[in-house]
N, C-alpha and C. Protein backbone atom coordinates (compact mmCIF):
# COMPACT_ATOMS: atom_id res chain seq x y z
N UNK A 1 -30.50 -3.61 -8.02
CA UNK A 1 -29.61 -4.05 -6.97
C UNK A 1 -30.45 -4.25 -5.71
N UNK A 2 -30.29 -5.39 -5.07
CA UNK A 2 -31.07 -5.68 -3.87
C UNK A 2 -30.46 -4.98 -2.66
N UNK A 3 -31.23 -4.92 -1.59
CA UNK A 3 -30.73 -4.32 -0.35
C UNK A 3 -29.50 -5.06 0.16
N UNK A 4 -29.52 -6.37 0.03
CA UNK A 4 -28.37 -7.16 0.49
C UNK A 4 -27.12 -6.85 -0.32
N UNK A 5 -27.27 -6.69 -1.62
CA UNK A 5 -26.13 -6.34 -2.47
C UNK A 5 -25.60 -4.95 -2.13
N UNK A 6 -26.51 -4.03 -1.86
CA UNK A 6 -26.10 -2.67 -1.49
C UNK A 6 -25.33 -2.70 -0.17
N UNK A 7 -25.82 -3.48 0.79
CA UNK A 7 -25.14 -3.59 2.08
C UNK A 7 -23.75 -4.20 1.91
N UNK A 8 -23.65 -5.21 1.06
CA UNK A 8 -22.35 -5.86 0.82
C UNK A 8 -21.38 -4.88 0.16
N UNK A 9 -21.88 -4.13 -0.81
CA UNK A 9 -21.04 -3.13 -1.48
C UNK A 9 -20.57 -2.07 -0.49
N UNK A 10 -21.48 -1.60 0.37
CA UNK A 10 -21.13 -0.61 1.38
C UNK A 10 -20.08 -1.16 2.33
N UNK A 11 -20.22 -2.44 2.69
CA UNK A 11 -19.24 -3.06 3.59
C UNK A 11 -17.87 -3.12 2.93
N UNK A 12 -17.82 -3.49 1.65
CA UNK A 12 -16.54 -3.56 0.94
C UNK A 12 -15.89 -2.18 0.84
N UNK A 13 -16.69 -1.17 0.56
CA UNK A 13 -16.17 0.19 0.47
C UNK A 13 -15.62 0.63 1.83
N UNK A 14 -16.37 0.36 2.89
CA UNK A 14 -15.93 0.74 4.23
C UNK A 14 -14.62 0.04 4.60
N UNK A 15 -14.50 -1.24 4.28
CA UNK A 15 -13.28 -1.99 4.57
C UNK A 15 -12.09 -1.39 3.83
N UNK A 16 -12.29 -1.02 2.58
CA UNK A 16 -11.20 -0.44 1.78
C UNK A 16 -10.78 0.91 2.36
N UNK A 17 -11.74 1.71 2.77
CA UNK A 17 -11.43 3.02 3.36
C UNK A 17 -10.65 2.84 4.65
N UNK A 18 -11.08 1.90 5.47
CA UNK A 18 -10.38 1.65 6.74
C UNK A 18 -8.96 1.18 6.47
N UNK A 19 -8.79 0.30 5.48
CA UNK A 19 -7.45 -0.19 5.15
C UNK A 19 -6.55 0.96 4.71
N UNK A 20 -7.09 1.85 3.88
CA UNK A 20 -6.30 2.99 3.40
C UNK A 20 -5.94 3.93 4.54
N UNK A 21 -6.87 4.14 5.47
CA UNK A 21 -6.57 4.99 6.62
C UNK A 21 -5.49 4.37 7.49
N UNK A 22 -5.53 3.06 7.67
CA UNK A 22 -4.50 2.37 8.45
C UNK A 22 -3.14 2.52 7.79
N UNK A 23 -3.09 2.40 6.48
CA UNK A 23 -1.83 2.54 5.75
C UNK A 23 -1.28 3.95 5.93
N UNK A 24 -2.15 4.95 5.81
CA UNK A 24 -1.70 6.34 5.98
C UNK A 24 -1.22 6.59 7.40
N UNK A 25 -1.88 6.02 8.38
CA UNK A 25 -1.46 6.18 9.77
C UNK A 25 -0.10 5.53 10.00
N UNK A 26 0.11 4.33 9.43
CA UNK A 26 1.41 3.66 9.55
C UNK A 26 2.50 4.50 8.89
N UNK A 27 2.21 5.07 7.74
CA UNK A 27 3.18 5.93 7.06
C UNK A 27 3.54 7.12 7.95
N UNK A 28 2.53 7.72 8.55
CA UNK A 28 2.77 8.87 9.41
C UNK A 28 3.64 8.49 10.60
N UNK A 29 3.35 7.37 11.24
CA UNK A 29 4.15 6.92 12.38
C UNK A 29 5.59 6.63 11.97
N UNK A 30 5.76 5.99 10.83
CA UNK A 30 7.11 5.69 10.35
C UNK A 30 7.89 6.96 10.08
N UNK A 31 7.25 7.94 9.49
CA UNK A 31 7.94 9.19 9.18
C UNK A 31 8.39 9.90 10.46
N UNK A 32 7.60 9.79 11.52
CA UNK A 32 7.97 10.43 12.78
C UNK A 32 9.16 9.73 13.43
N UNK A 33 9.21 8.40 13.34
CA UNK A 33 10.24 7.63 14.04
C UNK A 33 11.55 7.55 13.26
N UNK A 34 11.48 7.62 11.96
CA UNK A 34 12.68 7.46 11.15
C UNK A 34 13.09 8.81 10.58
N UNK A 35 14.35 9.09 10.72
CA UNK A 35 14.81 10.40 10.29
C UNK A 35 15.48 10.41 8.93
N UNK A 36 16.31 9.44 8.66
CA UNK A 36 17.11 9.51 7.44
C UNK A 36 16.29 9.10 6.22
N UNK A 37 16.61 9.68 5.07
CA UNK A 37 15.91 9.30 3.83
C UNK A 37 16.07 7.82 3.51
N UNK A 38 17.23 7.26 3.83
CA UNK A 38 17.46 5.84 3.56
C UNK A 38 16.47 4.98 4.34
N UNK A 39 16.29 5.27 5.62
CA UNK A 39 15.36 4.50 6.44
C UNK A 39 13.93 4.63 5.93
N UNK A 40 13.56 5.84 5.52
CA UNK A 40 12.21 6.05 4.98
C UNK A 40 11.99 5.26 3.69
N UNK A 41 12.98 5.26 2.82
CA UNK A 41 12.86 4.52 1.57
C UNK A 41 12.76 3.02 1.82
N UNK A 42 13.54 2.52 2.75
CA UNK A 42 13.50 1.09 3.07
C UNK A 42 12.14 0.72 3.64
N UNK A 43 11.61 1.54 4.53
CA UNK A 43 10.30 1.27 5.13
C UNK A 43 9.21 1.29 4.05
N UNK A 44 9.28 2.26 3.17
CA UNK A 44 8.28 2.35 2.10
C UNK A 44 8.40 1.18 1.15
N UNK A 45 9.62 0.76 0.87
CA UNK A 45 9.85 -0.38 0.00
C UNK A 45 9.24 -1.65 0.60
N UNK A 46 9.44 -1.85 1.88
CA UNK A 46 8.87 -3.02 2.56
C UNK A 46 7.34 -2.99 2.51
N UNK A 47 6.78 -1.81 2.75
CA UNK A 47 5.32 -1.68 2.72
C UNK A 47 4.77 -1.99 1.34
N UNK A 48 5.42 -1.45 0.31
CA UNK A 48 4.95 -1.69 -1.05
C UNK A 48 5.09 -3.14 -1.47
N UNK A 49 6.16 -3.78 -1.04
CA UNK A 49 6.33 -5.20 -1.38
C UNK A 49 5.22 -6.05 -0.74
N UNK A 50 4.89 -5.73 0.49
CA UNK A 50 3.80 -6.44 1.16
C UNK A 50 2.49 -6.21 0.43
N UNK A 51 2.25 -4.98 0.04
CA UNK A 51 1.03 -4.64 -0.68
C UNK A 51 0.97 -5.36 -2.03
N UNK A 52 2.10 -5.43 -2.72
CA UNK A 52 2.14 -6.09 -4.01
C UNK A 52 1.81 -7.58 -3.88
N UNK A 53 2.36 -8.23 -2.87
CA UNK A 53 2.07 -9.64 -2.64
C UNK A 53 0.59 -9.84 -2.34
N UNK A 54 0.01 -8.94 -1.57
CA UNK A 54 -1.41 -9.02 -1.26
C UNK A 54 -2.24 -8.92 -2.54
N UNK A 55 -1.89 -7.98 -3.39
CA UNK A 55 -2.62 -7.83 -4.65
C UNK A 55 -2.45 -9.05 -5.55
N UNK A 56 -1.26 -9.60 -5.58
CA UNK A 56 -1.05 -10.80 -6.40
C UNK A 56 -1.83 -11.98 -5.85
N UNK A 57 -1.88 -12.12 -4.54
CA UNK A 57 -2.63 -13.22 -3.93
C UNK A 57 -4.12 -13.13 -4.22
N UNK A 58 -4.63 -11.90 -4.31
CA UNK A 58 -6.06 -11.71 -4.58
C UNK A 58 -6.32 -11.50 -6.08
N UNK A 59 -5.31 -11.77 -6.89
CA UNK A 59 -5.40 -11.71 -8.34
C UNK A 59 -5.79 -10.32 -8.86
N UNK A 60 -5.31 -9.29 -8.18
CA UNK A 60 -5.52 -7.91 -8.64
C UNK A 60 -4.24 -7.46 -9.33
N UNK A 61 -4.03 -8.01 -10.50
CA UNK A 61 -2.75 -7.86 -11.18
C UNK A 61 -2.48 -6.43 -11.67
N UNK A 62 -3.52 -5.70 -12.01
CA UNK A 62 -3.30 -4.31 -12.45
C UNK A 62 -2.75 -3.47 -11.31
N UNK A 63 -3.31 -3.65 -10.12
CA UNK A 63 -2.82 -2.92 -8.95
C UNK A 63 -1.41 -3.37 -8.61
N UNK A 64 -1.15 -4.66 -8.72
CA UNK A 64 0.19 -5.19 -8.44
C UNK A 64 1.22 -4.58 -9.39
N UNK A 65 0.85 -4.40 -10.64
CA UNK A 65 1.76 -3.81 -11.63
C UNK A 65 2.07 -2.36 -11.29
N UNK A 66 1.08 -1.63 -10.83
CA UNK A 66 1.30 -0.24 -10.43
C UNK A 66 2.27 -0.19 -9.25
N UNK A 67 2.06 -1.06 -8.27
CA UNK A 67 2.94 -1.11 -7.10
C UNK A 67 4.35 -1.52 -7.52
N UNK A 68 4.46 -2.44 -8.47
CA UNK A 68 5.78 -2.87 -8.96
C UNK A 68 6.54 -1.70 -9.56
N UNK A 69 5.85 -0.84 -10.30
CA UNK A 69 6.50 0.35 -10.86
C UNK A 69 7.00 1.27 -9.75
N UNK A 70 6.21 1.43 -8.72
CA UNK A 70 6.64 2.26 -7.59
C UNK A 70 7.85 1.64 -6.89
N UNK A 71 7.85 0.32 -6.75
CA UNK A 71 8.98 -0.38 -6.13
C UNK A 71 10.25 -0.15 -6.96
N UNK A 72 10.13 -0.26 -8.26
CA UNK A 72 11.29 -0.05 -9.14
C UNK A 72 11.86 1.36 -8.97
N UNK A 73 10.97 2.37 -8.89
CA UNK A 73 11.44 3.74 -8.70
C UNK A 73 12.15 3.91 -7.36
N UNK A 74 11.59 3.30 -6.32
CA UNK A 74 12.22 3.40 -5.00
C UNK A 74 13.59 2.73 -4.99
N UNK A 75 13.70 1.59 -5.65
CA UNK A 75 14.99 0.89 -5.69
C UNK A 75 16.04 1.74 -6.41
N UNK A 76 15.64 2.46 -7.44
CA UNK A 76 16.57 3.35 -8.13
C UNK A 76 17.00 4.50 -7.22
N UNK A 77 16.05 5.02 -6.43
CA UNK A 77 16.40 6.06 -5.48
C UNK A 77 17.39 5.56 -4.44
N UNK A 78 17.19 4.33 -3.98
CA UNK A 78 18.11 3.75 -2.99
C UNK A 78 19.50 3.58 -3.57
N UNK A 79 19.58 3.20 -4.84
CA UNK A 79 20.88 3.01 -5.49
C UNK A 79 21.65 4.33 -5.57
N UNK A 80 20.92 5.45 -5.68
CA UNK A 80 21.58 6.75 -5.78
C UNK A 80 22.08 7.25 -4.42
N UNK A 81 21.57 6.69 -3.33
CA UNK A 81 22.01 7.15 -2.01
C UNK A 81 23.37 6.60 -1.64
């Protein structure tokens, strides 16, 4: 592996870590502002749908399928409320 390839790999890893930290920070802010379970589920559902579309656009279909399963579970939880 060349130095340039290592730098590119490090950059991709850093970008992914930053993206995950941003998602966790958004989750934390949402949890503080929203009190009811219904509002939390709706916010999480919106976030997951956005994430699923992003994965589909970048052709990461395995990740999109995992997110789809989470969306299905959240929708069932919403139906029970």
